[in-house]
Amino acid sequence: MKEWTSLMKNLTLLTQFGLSFITPLLMCLGICWLLQTKTGAGAWVYIPGFFFGLGSSGMVAWKLYVSVTEKEKRREKKKGISFNNHE
């Protein structure tokens, strides 16, 4: 049963990472589409929108990486013997 729980946890994290990575890019491209259709801006608007979307997706990936590494550091630090945790 523990393997099933671990598998579901990893699948959930992978799905969360995928959605968090693609959402900023799609939002920036959506804003570019609105700018082009509503204001009549040229198709060049998509180029900076694409790069801004990639930048924000990179920031999401970096924040996720930092969060996971800090959690692992805390877990390693917690493994020692403490007052309530005797071996």
PDB file of N, CA and C in Angstrom:
ATOM      1  N   MET A   1       0.826  -1.196   0.000  1.00  0.00           N
ATOM      2  CA  MET A   1       0.000   0.000   0.000  1.00  0.00           C
ATOM      3  C   MET A   1       0.875   1.268   0.000  1.00  0.00           C
ATOM      4  N   LYS A   2       2.034   1.175   0.666  1.00  0.00           N
ATOM      5  CA  LYS A   2       2.924   2.329   0.718  1.00  0.00           C
ATOM      6  C   LYS A   2       3.444   2.682  -0.671  1.00  0.00           C
ATOM      7  N   GLU A   3       3.691   1.685  -1.502  1.00  0.00           N
ATOM      8  CA  GLU A   3       4.154   1.946  -2.861  1.00  0.00           C
ATOM      9  C   GLU A   3       3.081   2.690  -3.664  1.00  0.00           C
ATOM     10  N   TRP A   4       1.835   2.309  -3.475  1.00  0.00           N
ATOM     11  CA  TRP A   4       0.723   2.964  -4.172  1.00  0.00           C
ATOM     12  C   TRP A   4       0.627   4.439  -3.752  1.00  0.00           C
ATOM     13  N   THR A   5       0.780   4.693  -2.459  1.00  0.00           N
ATOM     14  CA  THR A   5       0.725   6.064  -1.953  1.00  0.00           C
ATOM     15  C   THR A   5       1.877   6.891  -2.522  1.00  0.00           C
ATOM     16  N   SER A   6       3.067   6.307  -2.543  1.00  0.00           N
ATOM     17  CA  SER A   6       4.225   7.001  -3.099  1.00  0.00           C
ATOM     18  C   SER A   6       4.038   7.288  -4.582  1.00  0.00           C
ATOM     19  N   LEU A   7       3.481   6.336  -5.307  1.00  0.00           N
ATOM     20  CA  LEU A   7       3.224   6.524  -6.732  1.00  0.00           C
ATOM     21  C   LEU A   7       2.225   7.656  -6.966  1.00  0.00           C
ATOM     22  N   MET A   8       1.155   7.679  -6.201  1.00  0.00           N
ATOM     23  CA  MET A   8       0.147   8.729  -6.358  1.00  0.00           C
ATOM     24  C   MET A   8       0.718  10.108  -5.982  1.00  0.00           C
ATOM     25  N   LYS A   9       1.564  10.136  -4.949  1.00  0.00           N
ATOM     26  CA  LYS A   9       2.181  11.400  -4.548  1.00  0.00           C
ATOM     27  C   LYS A   9       3.068  11.935  -5.676  1.00  0.00           C
ATOM     28  N   ASN A  10       3.886  11.064  -6.247  1.00  0.00           N
ATOM     29  CA  ASN A  10       4.772  11.492  -7.330  1.00  0.00           C
ATOM     30  C   ASN A  10       4.002  11.893  -8.580  1.00  0.00           C
ATOM     31  N   LEU A  11       2.930  11.182  -8.886  1.00  0.00           N
ATOM     32  CA  LEU A  11       2.094  11.528 -10.037  1.00  0.00           C
ATOM     33  C   LEU A  11       1.417  12.885  -9.836  1.00  0.00           C
ATOM     34  N   THR A  12       0.958  13.132  -8.634  1.00  0.00           N
ATOM     35  CA  THR A  12       0.341  14.420  -8.318  1.00  0.00           C
ATOM     36  C   THR A  12       1.351  15.558  -8.442  1.00  0.00           C
ATOM     37  N   LEU A  13       2.567  15.351  -7.936  1.00  0.00           N
ATOM     38  CA  LEU A  13       3.596  16.385  -8.048  1.00  0.00           C
ATOM     39  C   LEU A  13       3.963  16.654  -9.499  1.00  0.00           C
ATOM     40  N   LEU A  14       4.038  15.601 -10.295  1.00  0.00           N
ATOM     41  CA  LEU A  14       4.359  15.771 -11.711  1.00  0.00           C
ATOM     42  C   LEU A  14       3.258  16.541 -12.436  1.00  0.00           C
ATOM     43  N   THR A  15       2.015  16.220 -12.151  1.00  0.00           N
ATOM     44  CA  THR A  15       0.888  16.925 -12.758  1.00  0.00           C
ATOM     45  C   THR A  15       0.866  18.389 -12.322  1.00  0.00           C
ATOM     46  N   GLN A  16       1.107  18.626 -11.030  1.00  0.00           N
ATOM     47  CA  GLN A  16       1.143  19.986 -10.514  1.00  0.00           C
ATOM     48  C   GLN A  16       2.252  20.790 -11.190  1.00  0.00           C
ATOM     49  N   PHE A  17       3.416  20.179 -11.344  1.00  0.00           N
ATOM     50  CA  PHE A  17       4.527  20.869 -11.983  1.00  0.00           C
ATOM     51  C   PHE A  17       4.201  21.179 -13.440  1.00  0.00           C
ATOM     52  N   GLY A  18       3.597  20.232 -14.149  1.00  0.00           N
ATOM     53  CA  GLY A  18       3.246  20.453 -15.546  1.00  0.00           C
ATOM     54  C   GLY A  18       2.251  21.585 -15.715  1.00  0.00           C
ATOM     55  N   LEU A  19       1.217  21.592 -14.885  1.00  0.00           N
ATOM     56  CA  LEU A  19       0.220  22.659 -14.970  1.00  0.00           C
ATOM     57  C   LEU A  19       0.810  24.007 -14.553  1.00  0.00           C
ATOM     58  N   SER A  20       1.637  24.004 -13.527  1.00  0.00           N
ATOM     59  CA  SER A  20       2.258  25.252 -13.082  1.00  0.00           C
ATOM     60  C   SER A  20       3.238  25.787 -14.118  1.00  0.00           C
ATOM     61  N   PHE A  21       3.818  24.909 -14.895  1.00  0.00           N
ATOM     62  CA  PHE A  21       4.800  25.328 -15.890  1.00  0.00           C
ATOM     63  C   PHE A  21       4.135  25.885 -17.146  1.00  0.00           C
ATOM     64  N   ILE A  22       3.009  25.321 -17.567  1.00  0.00           N
ATOM     65  CA  ILE A  22       2.381  25.726 -18.831  1.00  0.00           C
ATOM     66  C   ILE A  22       1.396  26.889 -18.652  1.00  0.00           C
ATOM     67  N   THR A  23       0.817  27.050 -17.458  1.00  0.00           N
ATOM     68  CA  THR A  23      -0.201  28.075 -17.252  1.00  0.00           C
ATOM     69  C   THR A  23       0.303  29.500 -17.494  1.00  0.00           C
ATOM     70  N   PRO A  24       1.470  29.918 -16.965  1.00  0.00           N
ATOM     71  CA  PRO A  24       1.912  31.301 -17.242  1.00  0.00           C
ATOM     72  C   PRO A  24       2.143  31.571 -18.730  1.00  0.00           C
ATOM     73  N   LEU A  25       2.659  30.584 -19.442  1.00  0.00           N
ATOM     74  CA  LEU A  25       2.884  30.760 -20.876  1.00  0.00           C
ATOM     75  C   LEU A  25       1.560  30.943 -21.609  1.00  0.00           C
ATOM     76  N   LEU A  26       0.580  30.117 -21.278  1.00  0.00           N
ATOM     77  CA  LEU A  26      -0.734  30.236 -21.928  1.00  0.00           C
ATOM     78  C   LEU A  26      -1.418  31.550 -21.570  1.00  0.00           C
ATOM     79  N   MET A  27      -1.250  32.017 -20.330  1.00  0.00           N
ATOM     80  CA  MET A  27      -1.861  33.291 -19.946  1.00  0.00           C
ATOM     81  C   MET A  27      -1.228  34.457 -20.702  1.00  0.00           C
ATOM     82  N   CYS A  28       0.084  34.443 -20.834  1.00  0.00           N
ATOM     83  CA  CYS A  28       0.753  35.527 -21.579  1.00  0.00           C
ATOM     84  C   CYS A  28       0.344  35.513 -23.048  1.00  0.00           C
ATOM     85  N   LEU A  29       0.266  34.331 -23.641  1.00  0.00           N
ATOM     86  CA  LEU A  29      -0.162  34.254 -25.038  1.00  0.00           C
ATOM     87  C   LEU A  29      -1.627  34.651 -25.196  1.00  0.00           C
ATOM     88  N   GLY A  30      -2.447  34.355 -24.199  1.00  0.00           N
ATOM     89  CA  GLY A  30      -3.845  34.784 -24.223  1.00  0.00           C
ATOM     90  C   GLY A  30      -3.975  36.298 -24.156  1.00  0.00           C
ATOM     91  N   ILE A  31      -3.153  36.912 -23.331  1.00  0.00           N
ATOM     92  CA  ILE A  31      -3.149  38.371 -23.248  1.00  0.00           C
ATOM     93  C   ILE A  31      -2.688  38.974 -24.573  1.00  0.00           C
ATOM     94  N   CYS A  32      -1.712  38.342 -25.202  1.00  0.00           N
ATOM     95  CA  CYS A  32      -1.249  38.820 -26.522  1.00  0.00           C
ATOM     96  C   CYS A  32      -2.362  38.704 -27.563  1.00  0.00           C
ATOM     97  N   TRP A  33      -3.101  37.625 -27.497  1.00  0.00           N
ATOM     98  CA  TRP A  33      -4.221  37.452 -28.434  1.00  0.00           C
ATOM     99  C   TRP A  33      -5.270  38.538 -28.224  1.00  0.00           C
ATOM    100  N   LEU A  34      -5.572  38.840 -26.943  1.00  0.00           N
ATOM    101  CA  LEU A  34      -6.526  39.914 -26.661  1.00  0.00           C
ATOM    102  C   LEU A  34      -6.011  41.260 -27.170  1.00  0.00           C
ATOM    103  N   LEU A  35      -4.728  41.521 -26.972  1.00  0.00           N
ATOM    104  CA  LEU A  35      -4.151  42.776 -27.470  1.00  0.00           C
ATOM    105  C   LEU A  35      -4.263  42.875 -28.985  1.00  0.00           C
ATOM    106  N   GLN A  36      -4.029  41.758 -29.651  1.00  0.00           N
ATOM    107  CA  GLN A  36      -4.073  41.805 -31.115  1.00  0.00           C
ATOM    108  C   GLN A  36      -5.504  41.966 -31.623  1.00  0.00           C
ATOM    109  N   THR A  37      -6.456  41.262 -31.029  1.00  0.00           N
ATOM    110  CA  THR A  37      -7.822  41.327 -31.542  1.00  0.00           C
ATOM    111  C   THR A  37      -8.541  42.612 -31.134  1.00  0.00           C
ATOM    112  N   LYS A  38      -8.329  43.086 -29.917  1.00  0.00           N
ATOM    113  CA  LYS A  38      -9.073  44.252 -29.433  1.00  0.00           C
ATOM    114  C   LYS A  38      -8.450  45.581 -29.855  1.00  0.00           C
ATOM    115  N   THR A  39      -7.123  45.651 -29.884  1.00  0.00           N
ATOM    116  CA  THR A  39      -6.479  46.932 -30.190  1.00  0.00           C
ATOM    117  C   THR A  39      -5.900  46.985 -31.594  1.00  0.00           C
ATOM    118  N   GLY A  40      -5.831  45.874 -32.273  1.00  0.00           N
ATOM    119  CA  GLY A  40      -5.303  45.848 -33.622  1.00  0.00           C
ATOM    120  C   GLY A  40      -3.783  45.865 -33.681  1.00  0.00           C
ATOM    121  N   ALA A  41      -3.141  45.467 -32.578  1.00  0.00           N
ATOM    122  CA  ALA A  41      -1.670  45.410 -32.579  1.00  0.00           C
ATOM    123  C   ALA A  41      -1.222  44.322 -33.543  1.00  0.00           C
ATOM    124  N   GLY A  42      -0.007  44.417 -33.986  1.00  0.00           N
ATOM    125  CA  GLY A  42       0.519  43.455 -34.943  1.00  0.00           C
ATOM    126  C   GLY A  42       0.825  42.107 -34.295  1.00  0.00           C
ATOM    127  N   ALA A  43       1.200  41.171 -35.135  1.00  0.00           N
ATOM    128  CA  ALA A  43       1.518  39.826 -34.659  1.00  0.00           C
ATOM    129  C   ALA A  43       2.833  39.797 -33.886  1.00  0.00           C
ATOM    130  N   TRP A  44       3.616  40.868 -33.953  1.00  0.00           N
ATOM    131  CA  TRP A  44       4.869  40.937 -33.212  1.00  0.00           C
ATOM    132  C   TRP A  44       4.658  40.867 -31.715  1.00  0.00           C
ATOM    133  N   VAL A  45       3.427  41.135 -31.248  1.00  0.00           N
ATOM    134  CA  VAL A  45       3.111  41.126 -29.818  1.00  0.00           C
ATOM    135  C   VAL A  45       3.338  39.734 -29.223  1.00  0.00           C
ATOM    136  N   TYR A  46       3.202  38.703 -30.035  1.00  0.00           N
ATOM    137  CA  TYR A  46       3.358  37.336 -29.537  1.00  0.00           C
ATOM    138  C   TYR A  46       4.809  37.031 -29.137  1.00  0.00           C
ATOM    139  N   ILE A  47       5.763  37.684 -29.754  1.00  0.00           N
ATOM    140  CA  ILE A  47       7.177  37.384 -29.461  1.00  0.00           C
ATOM    141  C   ILE A  47       7.543  37.768 -28.025  1.00  0.00           C
ATOM    142  N   PRO A  48       7.313  39.022 -27.588  1.00  0.00           N
ATOM    143  CA  PRO A  48       7.622  39.315 -26.184  1.00  0.00           C
ATOM    144  C   PRO A  48       6.725  38.546 -25.216  1.00  0.00           C
ATOM    145  N   GLY A  49       5.478  38.310 -25.615  1.00  0.00           N
ATOM    146  CA  GLY A  49       4.583  37.534 -24.757  1.00  0.00           C
ATOM    147  C   GLY A  49       5.088  36.123 -24.530  1.00  0.00           C
ATOM    148  N   PHE A  50       5.635  35.523 -25.583  1.00  0.00           N
ATOM    149  CA  PHE A  50       6.190  34.175 -25.462  1.00  0.00           C
ATOM    150  C   PHE A  50       7.377  34.168 -24.508  1.00  0.00           C
ATOM    151  N   PHE A  51       8.261  35.155 -24.644  1.00  0.00           N
ATOM    152  CA  PHE A  51       9.436  35.188 -23.777  1.00  0.00           C
ATOM    153  C   PHE A  51       9.078  35.525 -22.333  1.00  0.00           C
ATOM    154  N   PHE A  52       8.109  36.425 -22.131  1.00  0.00           N
ATOM    155  CA  PHE A  52       7.650  36.695 -20.774  1.00  0.00           C
ATOM    156  C   PHE A  52       7.008  35.457 -20.157  1.00  0.00           C
ATOM    157  N   GLY A  53       6.261  34.710 -20.953  1.00  0.00           N
ATOM    158  CA  GLY A  53       5.657  33.465 -20.469  1.00  0.00           C
ATOM    159  C   GLY A  53       6.699  32.433 -20.094  1.00  0.00           C
ATOM    160  N   LEU A  54       7.744  32.309 -20.921  1.00  0.00           N
ATOM    161  CA  LEU A  54       8.827  31.376 -20.593  1.00  0.00           C
ATOM    162  C   LEU A  54       9.566  31.815 -19.334  1.00  0.00           C
ATOM    163  N   GLY A  55       9.757  33.108 -19.182  1.00  0.00           N
ATOM    164  CA  GLY A  55      10.424  33.616 -17.981  1.00  0.00           C
ATOM    165  C   GLY A  55       9.642  33.326 -16.717  1.00  0.00           C
ATOM    166  N   SER A  56       8.349  33.541 -16.782  1.00  0.00           N
ATOM    167  CA  SER A  56       7.530  33.269 -15.595  1.00  0.00           C
ATOM    168  C   SER A  56       7.431  31.768 -15.332  1.00  0.00           C
ATOM    169  N   SER A  57       7.429  30.942 -16.373  1.00  0.00           N
ATOM    170  CA  SER A  57       7.447  29.495 -16.172  1.00  0.00           C
ATOM    171  C   SER A  57       8.769  29.056 -15.550  1.00  0.00           C
ATOM    172  N   GLY A  58       9.853  29.679 -15.962  1.00  0.00           N
ATOM    173  CA  GLY A  58      11.148  29.385 -15.352  1.00  0.00           C
ATOM    174  C   GLY A  58      11.177  29.769 -13.881  1.00  0.00           C
ATOM    175  N   MET A  59      10.538  30.876 -13.550  1.00  0.00           N
ATOM    176  CA  MET A  59      10.473  31.294 -12.155  1.00  0.00           C
ATOM    177  C   MET A  59       9.668  30.301 -11.322  1.00  0.00           C
ATOM    178  N   VAL A  60       8.581  29.794 -11.886  1.00  0.00           N
ATOM    179  CA  VAL A  60       7.794  28.779 -11.190  1.00  0.00           C
ATOM    180  C   VAL A  60       8.628  27.525 -10.960  1.00  0.00           C
ATOM    181  N   ALA A  61       9.381  27.114 -11.959  1.00  0.00           N
ATOM    182  CA  ALA A  61      10.234  25.931 -11.822  1.00  0.00           C
ATOM    183  C   ALA A  61      11.303  26.172 -10.758  1.00  0.00           C
ATOM    184  N   TRP A  62      11.893  27.358 -10.733  1.00  0.00           N
ATOM    185  CA  TRP A  62      12.918  27.667  -9.749  1.00  0.00           C
ATOM    186  C   TRP A  62      12.339  27.653  -8.327  1.00  0.00           C
ATOM    187  N   LYS A  63      11.171  28.246  -8.154  1.00  0.00           N
ATOM    188  CA  LYS A  63      10.528  28.271  -6.839  1.00  0.00           C
ATOM    189  C   LYS A  63      10.188  26.858  -6.372  1.00  0.00           C
ATOM    190  N   LEU A  64       9.739  26.003  -7.279  1.00  0.00           N
ATOM    191  CA  LEU A  64       9.445  24.624  -6.927  1.00  0.00           C
ATOM    192  C   LEU A  64      10.715  23.887  -6.526  1.00  0.00           C
ATOM    193  N   TYR A  65      11.799  24.110  -7.264  1.00  0.00           N
ATOM    194  CA  TYR A  65      13.081  23.475  -6.941  1.00  0.00           C
ATOM    195  C   TYR A  65      13.571  23.894  -5.559  1.00  0.00           C
ATOM    196  N   VAL A  66      13.508  25.194  -5.261  1.00  0.00           N
ATOM    197  CA  VAL A  66      13.955  25.697  -3.963  1.00  0.00           C
ATOM    198  C   VAL A  66      13.090  25.123  -2.850  1.00  0.00           C
ATOM    199  N   SER A  67      11.802  25.050  -3.073  1.00  0.00           N
ATOM    200  CA  SER A  67      10.892  24.503  -2.072  1.00  0.00           C
ATOM    201  C   SER A  67      11.203  23.037  -1.771  1.00  0.00           C
ATOM    202  N   VAL A  68      11.437  22.252  -2.812  1.00  0.00           N
ATOM    203  CA  VAL A  68      11.724  20.826  -2.615  1.00  0.00           C
ATOM    204  C   VAL A  68      13.063  20.632  -1.925  1.00  0.00           C
ATOM    205  N   THR A  69      14.072  21.393  -2.297  1.00  0.00           N
ATOM    206  CA  THR A  69      15.380  21.227  -1.658  1.00  0.00           C
ATOM    207  C   THR A  69      15.348  21.659  -0.195  1.00  0.00           C
ATOM    208  N   GLU A  70      14.611  22.718   0.136  1.00  0.00           N
ATOM    209  CA  GLU A  70      14.483  23.120   1.534  1.00  0.00           C
ATOM    210  C   GLU A  70      13.752  22.062   2.343  1.00  0.00           C
ATOM    211  N   LYS A  71      12.731  21.463   1.757  1.00  0.00           N
ATOM    212  CA  LYS A  71      11.993  20.406   2.447  1.00  0.00           C
ATOM    213  C   LYS A  71      12.897  19.203   2.707  1.00  0.00           C
ATOM    214  N   GLU A  72      13.739  18.850   1.750  1.00  0.00           N
ATOM    215  CA  GLU A  72      14.675  17.739   1.928  1.00  0.00           C
ATOM    216  C   GLU A  72      15.716  18.059   3.003  1.00  0.00           C
ATOM    217  N   LYS A  73      16.191  19.303   3.050  1.00  0.00           N
ATOM    218  CA  LYS A  73      17.145  19.697   4.084  1.00  0.00           C
ATOM    219  C   LYS A  73      16.511  19.592   5.465  1.00  0.00           C
ATOM    220  N   ARG A  74      15.266  20.049   5.593  1.00  0.00           N
ATOM    221  CA  ARG A  74      14.580  19.939   6.878  1.00  0.00           C
ATOM    222  C   ARG A  74      14.375  18.490   7.270  1.00  0.00           C
ATOM    223  N   ARG A  75      14.051  17.644   6.300  1.00  0.00           N
ATOM    224  CA  ARG A  75      13.844  16.228   6.574  1.00  0.00           C
ATOM    225  C   ARG A  75      15.148  15.570   7.034  1.00  0.00           C
ATOM    226  N   GLU A  76      16.262  15.918   6.399  1.00  0.00           N
ATOM    227  CA  GLU A  76      17.559  15.367   6.802  1.00  0.00           C
ATOM    228  C   GLU A  76      17.948  15.859   8.196  1.00  0.00           C
ATOM    229  N   LYS A  77      17.664  17.115   8.481  1.00  0.00           N
ATOM    230  CA  LYS A  77      17.996  17.684   9.779  1.00  0.00           C
ATOM    231  C   LYS A  77      17.153  17.057  10.884  1.00  0.00           C
ATOM    232  N   LYS A  78      15.949  16.670  10.565  1.00  0.00           N
ATOM    233  CA  LYS A  78      15.014  16.143  11.539  1.00  0.00           C
ATOM    234  C   LYS A  78      15.310  14.686  11.910  1.00  0.00           C
ATOM    235  N   LYS A  79      16.134  13.993  11.133  1.00  0.00           N
ATOM    236  CA  LYS A  79      16.381  12.578  11.355  1.00  0.00           C
ATOM    237  C   LYS A  79      17.174  12.291  12.626  1.00  0.00           C
ATOM    238  N   GLY A  80      17.799  13.284  13.217  1.00  0.00           N
ATOM    239  CA  GLY A  80      18.587  13.073  14.421  1.00  0.00           C
ATOM    240  C   GLY A  80      17.720  12.689  15.608  1.00  0.00           C
ATOM    241  N   ILE A  81      18.359  12.184  16.651  1.00  0.00           N
ATOM    242  CA  ILE A  81      17.645  11.806  17.864  1.00  0.00           C
ATOM    243  C   ILE A  81      17.319  13.073  18.639  1.00  0.00           C
ATOM    244  N   SER A  82      16.105  13.173  19.076  1.00  0.00           N
ATOM    245  CA  SER A  82      15.678  14.329  19.849  1.00  0.00           C
ATOM    246  C   SER A  82      14.998  13.854  21.129  1.00  0.00           C
ATOM    247  N   PHE A  83      14.494  14.784  21.906  1.00  0.00           N
ATOM    248  CA  PHE A  83      13.894  14.469  23.188  1.00  0.00           C
ATOM    249  C   PHE A  83      12.720  13.506  23.040  1.00  0.00           C
ATOM    250  N   ASN A  84      11.849  13.739  22.073  1.00  0.00           N
ATOM    251  CA  ASN A  84      10.660  12.905  21.899  1.00  0.00           C
ATOM    252  C   ASN A  84      10.869  11.765  20.914  1.00  0.00           C
ATOM    253  N   ASN A  85      12.012  11.703  20.274  1.00  0.00           N
ATOM    254  CA  ASN A  85      12.258  10.688  19.235  1.00  0.00           C
ATOM    255  C   ASN A  85      13.474   9.856  19.650  1.00  0.00           C
ATOM    256  N   HIS A  86      13.235   8.753  20.366  1.00  0.00           N
ATOM    257  CA  HIS A  86      14.328   7.902  20.839  1.00  0.00           C
ATOM    258  C   HIS A  86      14.480   6.718  19.922  1.00  0.00           C
ATOM    259  N   GLU A  87      15.697   6.267  19.773  1.00  0.00           N
ATOM    260  CA  GLU A  87      15.950   5.085  18.934  1.00  0.00           C
ATOM    261  C   GLU A  87      16.404   3.931  19.761  1.00  0.00           C
TER     262      GLU A  87
END
